[in-house]
Amino acid sequence: MGSFSLSHWLVVLAVVLILFGAGRVPKAMGDLARGIRAFRTGMRDEGAADAETGELVEAADRKRV
């Protein structure tokens, strides 16, 4: 009762394929991959912007002293 066996996963896969069709599953996975890629790119861009802002703040602090 704790974990699913191989036959359980095959039944789940069959139900998903019946409900969504064989063509929609790869399309959904592609959309998910694009979403993850866009998220990672956004996080990378935000980190670079934060780094630039931090450098500007540090430079302004040095000018005040």
N, C-alpha and C. Protein backbone atom coordinates (compact mmCIF):
# COMPACT_ATOMS: atom_id res chain seq x y z
N MET A 1 0.81 -1.19 0.00
CA MET A 1 0.00 0.00 0.00
C MET A 1 0.86 1.25 0.00
N GLY A 2 2.15 1.14 0.30
CA GLY A 2 3.02 2.30 0.41
C GLY A 2 3.42 2.91 -0.92
N SER A 3 3.86 2.12 -1.87
CA SER A 3 4.31 2.68 -3.15
C SER A 3 3.58 2.00 -4.29
N PHE A 4 3.67 2.63 -5.44
CA PHE A 4 3.01 2.09 -6.63
C PHE A 4 3.93 1.11 -7.34
N SER A 5 3.33 0.08 -7.88
CA SER A 5 4.09 -0.89 -8.66
C SER A 5 4.10 -0.47 -10.12
N LEU A 6 4.80 -1.20 -10.92
CA LEU A 6 4.91 -0.90 -12.34
C LEU A 6 3.53 -0.93 -13.01
N SER A 7 2.70 -1.88 -12.63
CA SER A 7 1.37 -1.96 -13.25
C SER A 7 0.52 -0.74 -12.91
N HIS A 8 0.66 -0.19 -11.72
CA HIS A 8 -0.06 1.03 -11.38
C HIS A 8 0.36 2.20 -12.28
N TRP A 9 1.66 2.33 -12.48
CA TRP A 9 2.16 3.42 -13.33
C TRP A 9 1.73 3.25 -14.77
N LEU A 10 1.66 2.02 -15.26
CA LEU A 10 1.19 1.78 -16.62
C LEU A 10 -0.28 2.16 -16.78
N VAL A 11 -1.09 1.88 -15.77
CA VAL A 11 -2.50 2.26 -15.81
C VAL A 11 -2.63 3.78 -15.80
N VAL A 12 -1.85 4.46 -14.96
CA VAL A 12 -1.88 5.92 -14.91
C VAL A 12 -1.46 6.50 -16.27
N LEU A 13 -0.42 5.97 -16.86
CA LEU A 13 0.04 6.42 -18.17
C LEU A 13 -1.04 6.21 -19.23
N ALA A 14 -1.70 5.07 -19.20
CA ALA A 14 -2.76 4.79 -20.17
C ALA A 14 -3.91 5.78 -20.00
N VAL A 15 -4.29 6.08 -18.78
CA VAL A 15 -5.38 7.03 -18.54
C VAL A 15 -4.99 8.42 -19.03
N VAL A 16 -3.76 8.84 -18.77
CA VAL A 16 -3.30 10.16 -19.24
C VAL A 16 -3.32 10.21 -20.76
N LEU A 17 -2.85 9.18 -21.40
CA LEU A 17 -2.85 9.15 -22.87
C LEU A 17 -4.27 9.16 -23.43
N ILE A 18 -5.18 8.48 -22.77
CA ILE A 18 -6.57 8.46 -23.24
C ILE A 18 -7.21 9.83 -23.06
N LEU A 19 -6.97 10.47 -21.92
CA LEU A 19 -7.59 11.76 -21.65
C LEU A 19 -7.02 12.88 -22.52
N PHE A 20 -5.72 12.92 -22.65
CA PHE A 20 -5.08 14.04 -23.33
C PHE A 20 -4.66 13.74 -24.75
N GLY A 21 -4.57 12.50 -25.12
CA GLY A 21 -4.12 12.14 -26.46
C GLY A 21 -2.61 12.10 -26.53
N ALA A 22 -2.10 11.31 -27.45
CA ALA A 22 -0.64 11.11 -27.55
C ALA A 22 0.07 12.37 -28.03
N GLY A 23 -0.60 13.22 -28.81
CA GLY A 23 0.05 14.42 -29.34
C GLY A 23 0.15 15.56 -28.34
N ARG A 24 -0.74 15.59 -27.36
CA ARG A 24 -0.76 16.71 -26.42
C ARG A 24 0.29 16.56 -25.32
N VAL A 25 0.68 15.34 -24.99
CA VAL A 25 1.65 15.13 -23.91
C VAL A 25 3.02 15.72 -24.27
N PRO A 26 3.59 15.43 -25.44
CA PRO A 26 4.88 16.05 -25.78
C PRO A 26 4.79 17.57 -25.87
N LYS A 27 3.66 18.07 -26.37
CA LYS A 27 3.49 19.52 -26.45
C LYS A 27 3.48 20.14 -25.05
N ALA A 28 2.80 19.49 -24.11
CA ALA A 28 2.76 19.99 -22.74
C ALA A 28 4.15 19.95 -22.11
N MET A 29 4.91 18.90 -22.37
CA MET A 29 6.26 18.81 -21.82
C MET A 29 7.17 19.88 -22.43
N GLY A 30 6.99 20.17 -23.72
CA GLY A 30 7.76 21.23 -24.37
C GLY A 30 7.43 22.59 -23.77
N ASP A 31 6.14 22.83 -23.51
CA ASP A 31 5.73 24.08 -22.88
C ASP A 31 6.31 24.21 -21.48
N LEU A 32 6.33 23.11 -20.76
CA LEU A 32 6.91 23.11 -19.41
C LEU A 32 8.40 23.42 -19.48
N ALA A 33 9.10 22.83 -20.42
CA ALA A 33 10.54 23.08 -20.57
C ALA A 33 10.81 24.54 -20.93
N ARG A 34 9.99 25.11 -21.81
CA ARG A 34 10.17 26.53 -22.17
C ARG A 34 9.91 27.43 -20.97
N GLY A 35 8.93 27.07 -20.16
CA GLY A 35 8.64 27.85 -18.96
C GLY A 35 9.78 27.82 -17.96
N ILE A 36 10.36 26.65 -17.77
CA ILE A 36 11.50 26.52 -16.86
C ILE A 36 12.70 27.31 -17.39
N ARG A 37 12.94 27.23 -18.69
CA ARG A 37 14.05 27.97 -19.30
C ARG A 37 13.85 29.47 -19.15
N ALA A 38 12.63 29.95 -19.35
CA ALA A 38 12.34 31.38 -19.19
C ALA A 38 12.52 31.81 -17.73
N PHE A 39 12.12 30.98 -16.81
CA PHE A 39 12.30 31.28 -15.39
C PHE A 39 13.78 31.39 -15.04
N ARG A 40 14.57 30.43 -15.51
CA ARG A 40 16.00 30.45 -15.21
C ARG A 40 16.67 31.68 -15.83
N THR A 41 16.28 32.04 -17.04
CA THR A 41 16.83 33.23 -17.70
C THR A 41 16.45 34.48 -16.92
N GLY A 42 15.21 34.56 -16.47
CA GLY A 42 14.76 35.70 -15.68
C GLY A 42 15.51 35.81 -14.36
N MET A 43 15.75 34.68 -13.71
CA MET A 43 16.50 34.71 -12.45
C MET A 43 17.94 35.14 -12.69
N ARG A 44 18.53 34.70 -13.78
CA ARG A 44 19.91 35.07 -14.11
C ARG A 44 19.99 36.57 -14.39
N ASP A 45 19.02 37.09 -15.16
CA ASP A 45 19.00 38.52 -15.47
C ASP A 45 18.78 39.35 -14.22
N GLU A 46 17.91 38.89 -13.33
CA GLU A 46 17.66 39.61 -12.08
C GLU A 46 18.90 39.62 -11.20
N GLY A 47 19.63 38.52 -11.17
CA GLY A 47 20.87 38.45 -10.39
C GLY A 47 21.91 39.41 -10.93
N ALA A 48 22.00 39.52 -12.24
CA ALA A 48 22.95 40.45 -12.86
C ALA A 48 22.55 41.89 -12.55
N ALA A 49 21.26 42.19 -12.58
CA ALA A 49 20.79 43.54 -12.27
C ALA A 49 21.07 43.88 -10.81
N ASP A 50 20.87 42.90 -9.92
CA ASP A 50 21.16 43.13 -8.50
C ASP A 50 22.65 43.37 -8.29
N ALA A 51 23.48 42.63 -9.01
CA ALA A 51 24.92 42.80 -8.88
C ALA A 51 25.34 44.19 -9.35
N GLU A 52 24.77 44.65 -10.46
CA GLU A 52 25.09 45.99 -10.96
C GLU A 52 24.62 47.05 -9.98
N THR A 53 23.45 46.89 -9.41
CA THR A 53 22.92 47.85 -8.44
C THR A 53 23.80 47.87 -7.20
N GLY A 54 24.24 46.70 -6.77
CA GLY A 54 25.12 46.62 -5.61
C GLY A 54 26.43 47.33 -5.86
N GLU A 55 26.98 47.19 -7.07
CA GLU A 55 28.23 47.87 -7.40
C GLU A 55 28.03 49.38 -7.41
N LEU A 56 26.89 49.84 -7.91
CA LEU A 56 26.62 51.28 -7.94
C LEU A 56 26.47 51.83 -6.52
N VAL A 57 25.83 51.08 -5.65
CA VAL A 57 25.66 51.52 -4.27
C VAL A 57 27.02 51.61 -3.58
N GLU A 58 27.87 50.61 -3.79
CA GLU A 58 29.18 50.60 -3.18
C GLU A 58 30.01 51.78 -3.70
N ALA A 59 29.93 52.09 -4.97
CA ALA A 59 30.67 53.21 -5.53
C ALA A 59 30.16 54.53 -4.96
N ALA A 60 28.87 54.66 -4.77
CA ALA A 60 28.30 55.89 -4.19
C ALA A 60 28.76 56.03 -2.73
N ASP A 61 28.81 54.93 -2.00
CA ASP A 61 29.26 54.97 -0.60
C ASP A 61 30.72 55.41 -0.52
N ARG A 62 31.55 54.97 -1.44
CA ARG A 62 32.96 55.35 -1.43
C ARG A 62 33.13 56.84 -1.74
N LYS A 63 32.27 57.38 -2.58
CA LYS A 63 32.36 58.80 -2.91
C LYS A 63 31.96 59.66 -1.73
N ARG A 64 31.03 59.21 -0.90
CA ARG A 64 30.59 59.98 0.25
C ARG A 64 31.67 60.07 1.33
N VAL A 65 32.48 59.05 1.44
CA VAL A 65 33.50 59.00 2.51
C VAL A 65 34.68 59.79 2.17
